[in-house]
Protein backbone atom coordinates (compact mmCIF):
# COMPACT_ATOMS: atom_id res chain seq x y z
CA MET A 1 14.99 -7.01 6.14
CA THR A 2 12.90 -6.56 2.99
CA ASP A 3 13.78 -3.67 0.70
CA PHE A 4 10.66 -1.75 -0.37
CA ALA A 5 10.95 0.75 -3.24
CA ALA A 6 8.32 3.50 -3.44
CA ILE A 7 8.15 4.94 -6.98
CA ILE A 8 6.62 8.44 -7.08
CA PRO A 9 6.30 10.26 -10.44
CA CYS A 10 6.11 14.03 -9.92
CA HIS A 11 5.11 16.88 -12.20
CA ASN A 12 4.82 20.25 -10.45
CA GLU A 13 4.28 18.73 -6.99
CA GLU A 14 6.55 20.92 -4.84
CA GLU A 15 3.99 21.19 -2.03
CA ASN A 16 3.06 17.50 -2.07
CA VAL A 17 6.58 16.00 -2.14
CA PRO A 18 7.32 16.49 1.59
CA LEU A 19 3.76 15.45 2.51
CA ILE A 20 3.82 12.11 0.67
CA TYR A 21 7.26 11.32 2.07
CA ALA A 22 6.12 12.15 5.61
CA GLU A 23 3.14 9.82 5.19
CA LEU A 24 5.41 7.05 3.92
CA LYS A 25 7.78 7.45 6.87
CA LYS A 26 4.84 7.41 9.25
CA THR A 27 3.54 4.20 7.68
CA PHE A 28 6.91 2.39 7.67
CA ALA A 29 7.63 3.37 11.27
CA LYS A 30 5.09 0.63 12.03
CA LEU A 31 6.78 -1.86 9.66
CA PRO A 32 10.19 -2.61 11.20
CA ASP A 33 10.83 -5.57 8.89
CA TYR A 34 10.83 -3.37 5.79
CA ARG A 35 13.42 -0.84 4.62
CA LEU A 36 11.86 2.06 2.72
CA ILE A 37 13.69 3.29 -0.39
CA THR A 38 11.95 6.25 -2.01
CA TRP A 39 12.45 7.17 -5.66
CA PHE A 40 11.01 10.47 -6.87
CA ILE A 41 10.83 10.94 -10.63
CA ASN A 42 10.85 14.62 -11.56
CA ASP A 43 8.99 14.63 -14.87
CA GLY A 44 9.91 18.01 -16.32
CA SER A 45 8.47 20.07 -13.46
CA THR A 46 8.53 23.85 -13.93
CA ASP A 47 8.13 24.68 -10.23
CA LYS A 48 10.40 23.86 -7.28
CA THR A 49 9.63 20.13 -7.18
CA LEU A 50 13.26 19.14 -7.78
CA MET A 51 14.42 21.50 -5.04
CA ALA A 52 11.92 19.92 -2.62
CA ILE A 53 13.20 16.44 -3.52
CA LYS A 54 16.84 17.46 -3.07
CA LEU A 55 16.01 18.94 0.33
CA LEU A 56 14.49 15.64 1.42
CA GLN A 57 17.51 13.77 0.07
CA SER A 58 19.90 15.96 2.06
CA GLU A 59 18.09 14.91 5.23
CA ASN A 60 17.32 11.27 4.39
CA SER A 61 19.74 8.77 2.87
CA ASP A 62 16.88 6.57 1.63
CA VAL A 63 15.63 9.25 -0.80
CA HIS A 64 16.73 9.12 -4.44
CA TYR A 65 15.55 10.85 -7.59
CA ILE A 66 15.54 10.73 -11.37
CA ASP A 67 15.50 14.13 -13.04
CA MET A 68 14.05 13.78 -16.53
CA SER A 69 15.44 15.89 -19.37
CA ARG A 70 11.87 17.02 -20.12
CA ALA A 71 8.30 15.98 -19.36
CA PHE A 72 7.91 12.47 -20.77
CA GLY A 73 4.64 11.70 -18.95
CA LYS A 74 3.63 9.57 -16.02
CA GLU A 75 3.93 6.30 -17.95
CA ALA A 76 7.60 6.99 -18.73
CA GLY A 77 8.13 8.10 -15.13
CA MET A 78 6.81 4.82 -13.77
CA TYR A 79 9.01 2.86 -16.17
CA ALA A 80 12.05 4.93 -15.19
CA GLY A 81 11.48 4.30 -11.49
CA LEU A 82 10.79 0.58 -11.84
CA SER A 83 13.83 0.04 -14.08
CA THR A 84 16.21 2.02 -11.85
CA ALA A 85 15.20 1.06 -8.31
CA LYS A 86 16.61 -2.15 -6.80
CA ALA A 87 14.38 -3.78 -4.19
CA ASP A 88 12.44 -6.88 -3.19
CA LEU A 89 9.05 -5.18 -3.43
CA TYR A 90 7.95 -2.21 -5.52
CA CYS A 91 5.10 0.26 -5.07
CA ILE A 92 3.85 3.04 -7.34
CA LEU A 93 2.16 6.05 -5.77
CA ASP A 94 0.94 9.44 -6.96
CA ALA A 95 2.62 12.38 -5.22
CA ASP A 96 -0.70 14.17 -4.59
CA LEU A 97 -1.74 11.74 -1.79
CA GLN A 98 -4.69 10.37 -3.76
CA ASP A 99 -2.96 7.03 -3.18
CA PRO A 100 -3.01 6.69 0.64
CA PRO A 101 0.25 5.21 2.01
CA SER A 102 -1.83 3.99 4.97
CA MET A 103 -3.06 1.17 2.68
CA ILE A 104 0.43 -0.26 2.23
CA PRO A 105 0.39 -2.50 5.36
CA GLU A 106 -2.78 -4.20 4.10
CA MET A 107 -1.18 -4.57 0.67
CA LEU A 108 1.87 -6.18 2.25
CA LYS A 109 -0.40 -8.59 4.07
CA GLY A 110 -1.79 -9.61 0.67
CA ILE A 111 1.75 -10.23 -0.58
CA ASP A 112 2.42 -12.36 2.51
CA ASP A 113 -0.77 -14.31 1.72
CA GLY A 114 0.68 -15.34 -1.64
CA PHE A 115 -0.43 -12.63 -4.06
CA ASP A 116 2.10 -11.26 -6.56
CA VAL A 117 0.31 -7.94 -6.95
CA VAL A 118 -1.94 -6.10 -4.52
CA GLY A 119 -3.48 -2.95 -5.97
CA ALA A 120 -6.07 -0.35 -5.07
CA ALA A 121 -9.39 0.25 -6.84
CA ARG A 122 -11.62 3.23 -6.18
CA THR A 123 -15.22 2.46 -5.32
CA ASN A 124 -16.41 5.98 -6.17
CA ARG A 125 -15.22 9.11 -7.95
CA GLU A 126 -16.39 11.78 -5.52
CA GLY A 127 -14.79 15.16 -6.10
CA GLU A 128 -14.48 14.69 -9.86
CA PRO A 129 -16.61 16.56 -12.42
CA PRO A 130 -19.66 14.41 -13.31
CA ILE A 131 -18.85 14.48 -17.03
CA ARG A 132 -15.36 13.12 -16.35
CA SER A 133 -16.72 10.34 -14.15
CA PHE A 134 -19.30 9.43 -16.81
CA PHE A 135 -16.72 9.06 -19.57
CA ALA A 136 -14.34 7.18 -17.26
CA ASN A 137 -17.05 4.64 -16.45
CA MET A 138 -17.93 4.34 -20.15
CA PHE A 139 -14.27 3.72 -20.99
CA TYR A 140 -14.06 0.75 -18.62
CA LYS A 141 -17.28 -0.72 -20.01
CA ILE A 142 -16.15 -0.34 -23.63
CA ILE A 143 -12.59 -1.61 -23.24
CA ASN A 144 -13.69 -4.65 -21.23
CA ALA A 145 -16.30 -5.41 -23.89
CA VAL A 146 -13.83 -5.35 -26.79
CA SER A 147 -10.52 -6.42 -25.21
CA SER A 148 -9.33 -9.82 -24.07
CA THR A 149 -7.19 -8.11 -21.41
CA PRO A 150 -9.43 -7.21 -18.45
CA ILE A 151 -9.09 -3.69 -17.05
CA ILE A 152 -10.46 -3.42 -13.51
CA PRO A 153 -12.87 -0.46 -13.17
CA GLY A 154 -11.46 2.17 -10.83
CA ALA A 155 -8.08 0.45 -10.62
CA ARG A 156 -5.19 2.79 -9.83
CA ASP A 157 -1.52 2.49 -10.70
CA PHE A 158 -1.11 2.38 -6.90
CA ARG A 159 -0.02 -1.20 -6.19
CA VAL A 160 2.63 -3.31 -4.47
CA MET A 161 4.42 -5.78 -6.74
CA THR A 162 7.01 -8.47 -6.36
CA LYS A 163 10.31 -8.33 -8.22
CA GLN A 164 9.12 -11.01 -10.64
CA VAL A 165 6.11 -8.94 -11.68
CA VAL A 166 8.22 -5.82 -12.19
CA GLN A 167 10.68 -7.73 -14.36
CA ALA A 168 7.77 -8.98 -16.47
CA VAL A 169 6.38 -5.45 -16.89
CA LEU A 170 9.80 -4.07 -17.83
CA SER A 171 10.22 -6.80 -20.45
CA LEU A 172 7.34 -5.16 -22.33
CA SER A 173 9.46 -2.39 -23.77
CA GLU A 174 6.98 -0.57 -26.02
CA SER A 175 7.46 3.19 -25.90
CA GLN A 176 3.73 3.99 -26.09
CA ARG A 177 2.70 2.54 -22.75
CA PHE A 178 -0.71 1.96 -21.17
CA SER A 179 0.29 0.62 -17.76
CA LYS A 180 -3.18 -0.39 -16.60
CA GLY A 181 -3.24 -2.80 -19.51
CA LEU A 182 0.39 -3.89 -19.07
CA PHE A 183 -0.14 -4.74 -15.40
CA SER A 184 -3.16 -6.84 -16.34
CA TRP A 185 -1.60 -8.44 -19.43
CA VAL A 186 1.41 -9.91 -17.59
CA GLY A 187 -0.98 -11.80 -15.33
CA PHE A 188 0.21 -13.16 -11.97
CA LYS A 189 -1.92 -13.61 -8.87
CA THR A 190 -3.55 -10.24 -8.25
CA LYS A 191 -5.80 -8.76 -5.58
CA TYR A 192 -7.45 -5.33 -5.47
CA LEU A 193 -8.36 -3.47 -2.29
CA PRO A 194 -11.40 -1.18 -2.54
CA TYR A 195 -11.19 2.34 -1.16
CA LYS A 196 -13.06 5.63 -1.45
CA ASN A 197 -11.71 8.37 -3.67
CA VAL A 198 -9.29 10.80 -2.02
CA GLU A 199 -8.92 14.31 -3.40
CA ARG A 200 -5.45 15.65 -4.13
CA GLN A 201 -3.85 17.77 -1.41
CA HIS A 202 -2.26 20.66 -3.30
CA GLY A 203 -1.78 21.87 -6.83
CA LYS A 204 -3.72 21.15 -9.99
CA THR A 205 -3.82 17.89 -11.88
CA SER A 206 -2.10 17.84 -15.27
CA TRP A 207 -4.75 15.44 -16.58
CA ASN A 208 -7.39 17.42 -18.47
CA PHE A 209 -10.32 16.01 -20.44
CA MET A 210 -8.44 15.82 -23.76
CA SER A 211 -5.37 14.12 -22.26
CA LEU A 212 -7.61 11.56 -20.56
CA LEU A 213 -9.50 11.03 -23.84
CA ASN A 214 -6.24 10.43 -25.71
CA TYR A 215 -5.07 8.09 -22.95
CA SER A 216 -8.33 6.13 -23.28
CA LEU A 217 -7.99 5.92 -27.06
CA ASP A 218 -4.43 4.67 -26.61
CA GLY A 219 -5.75 1.94 -24.35
CA LEU A 220 -8.36 0.88 -26.89
CA VAL A 221 -5.83 0.83 -29.73
CA ASP A 222 -3.20 -1.03 -27.68
CA TYR A 223 -5.49 -3.79 -26.42
CA SER A 224 -8.15 -4.29 -29.06
CA ASP A 225 -8.58 -4.41 -32.82
CA ALA A 226 -12.34 -3.96 -32.41
CA PRO A 227 -12.31 -0.45 -33.99
CA LEU A 228 -10.83 -1.95 -37.16
CA THR A 229 -13.44 -4.68 -37.14
CA LEU A 230 -16.14 -2.06 -36.63
CA VAL A 231 -15.18 0.04 -39.65
CA SER A 232 -14.80 -3.11 -41.75
CA GLY A 233 -18.35 -4.08 -40.76
CA LEU A 234 -19.64 -0.59 -41.56
CA GLY A 235 -17.94 -0.74 -44.94
CA LEU A 236 -19.55 -4.11 -45.70
CA VAL A 237 -23.00 -2.89 -44.62
CA SER A 238 -22.60 0.26 -46.74
CA PHE A 239 -21.56 -1.81 -49.77
CA ILE A 240 -24.52 -4.16 -49.42
CA GLY A 241 -26.89 -1.22 -48.91
CA ALA A 242 -25.53 0.58 -51.96
CA THR A 243 -25.85 -2.57 -54.09
CA ILE A 244 -29.48 -3.07 -53.03
CA ALA A 245 -30.23 0.61 -53.69
CA LEU A 246 -28.63 0.39 -57.16
CA ILE A 247 -30.70 -2.66 -58.11
CA PHE A 248 -33.83 -0.89 -56.85
CA ILE A 249 -33.07 2.24 -58.90
CA VAL A 250 -32.40 0.26 -62.09
CA ILE A 251 -35.63 -1.72 -61.75
CA ARG A 252 -37.64 1.39 -60.93
CA ALA A 253 -36.20 3.24 -63.94
CA ALA A 254 -36.98 0.29 -66.22
CA ILE A 255 -40.60 0.14 -65.07
CA TYR A 256 -41.53 3.76 -64.38
CA GLY A 257 -38.90 5.71 -66.27
CA ASP A 258 -36.35 8.10 -64.80
CA PRO A 259 -38.02 10.30 -62.19
CA THR A 260 -36.77 13.71 -61.17
CA ALA A 261 -33.37 13.40 -59.52
CA GLY A 262 -33.33 13.83 -55.75
CA TRP A 263 -30.35 16.11 -55.22
CA PRO A 264 -30.78 16.62 -51.46
CA SER A 265 -30.89 12.90 -50.78
CA MET A 266 -27.95 12.28 -53.12
CA VAL A 267 -25.85 14.94 -51.41
CA SER A 268 -26.76 13.54 -47.99
CA ILE A 269 -25.72 10.06 -49.08
CA MET A 270 -22.43 11.36 -50.49
CA LEU A 271 -21.67 13.23 -47.29
CA MET A 272 -22.55 10.18 -45.20
CA MET A 273 -20.30 7.90 -47.25
CA GLY A 274 -17.49 10.47 -47.22
CA GLY A 275 -17.76 10.77 -43.45
CA LEU A 276 -17.72 6.99 -43.09
CA GLN A 277 -14.57 6.78 -45.22
CA LEU A 278 -12.84 9.49 -43.22
CA LEU A 279 -13.79 7.70 -39.98
CA ALA A 280 -12.31 4.47 -41.30
CA ILE A 281 -9.14 6.22 -42.46
CA GLY A 282 -8.83 7.95 -39.09
CA ILE A 283 -9.11 4.69 -37.14
CA VAL A 284 -6.64 2.91 -39.41
CA GLY A 285 -4.37 5.95 -39.16
CA ARG A 286 -4.41 5.70 -35.38
CA TYR A 287 -3.07 2.15 -35.56
CA ILE A 288 -0.50 3.09 -38.21
CA GLY A 289 0.58 6.03 -36.07
CA ARG A 290 1.25 3.70 -33.14
CA ILE A 291 3.32 1.45 -35.41
CA PHE A 292 5.22 4.50 -36.71
CA LEU A 293 6.13 5.62 -33.19
CA GLU A 294 7.16 2.12 -32.09
CA VAL A 295 9.43 1.34 -35.06
CA LYS A 296 11.47 4.47 -34.35
CA ASN A 297 12.68 2.58 -31.27
CA ARG A 298 13.30 5.75 -29.29
CA PRO A 299 14.08 5.46 -25.57
CA ILE A 300 11.10 5.64 -23.24
CA TYR A 301 12.77 8.43 -21.27
CA ILE A 302 16.00 10.40 -21.01
CA ALA A 303 17.34 11.30 -17.59
CA ARG A 304 19.33 14.44 -16.89
CA LYS A 305 20.50 13.08 -13.56
CA ILE A 306 20.00 10.00 -11.39
CA GLU A 307 21.00 10.24 -7.77
């Protein structure tokens, strides 16, 4: 009998909790060689999510939960579940049923075929606002262009992993986590199954445009120093341009005298250079901020109760 741990981070998912568990039970009823162990991570929910989890636990001995002391975010929730659950295989799913449990048998077949990780990658983004889909696609193009760690377009956190892979991911103990990059960085033999986007069943996603933008910036900062190289290049180009312009002005003044000063152009140049400097400081500050948060060495999460 193979122990299979399903890790499900939850934030205000009271209606979805019983649905995702029912789907998991339905799927594993057809997999008699696997024992399902379900771990719900209550990430600071303000609704009745914890009550829904406790109700399931009272009826099913294979249901466990981690109640966070506050909302630490999905990344911390995944880490909490992976580090607490004990199993032979591990799977991460969203509680909103956008990650179909019906794909798990095919994922397990991939594990049996010798893969260490079998994940899911969306082939479309139907149901999402067009502007969100556009920026998501741009993010994958940019990060794969500047990073040596490949990020699969459309890849979800939904994946089945062996114990060895999970131990490798947990060994990367940074507190500011970008799991899509971590899963790719540790390597191992990986396969992705394509599937069409599934809309969430109930409730409203906690991922808005700004949170997704910050998450994308975190990914770029964590897995590439290209932004630093970019501002260094801009600084060099600006210096060379300013030097050429200075030589031109000196020669022109020596030959034709000092013409009327061009205040508008001078102000524009000053504003441009000031903006460039602020951009460079902002990018460097982003990296320094990540260092600042990491050196504090705070725990990735704090649990109120584990049961």
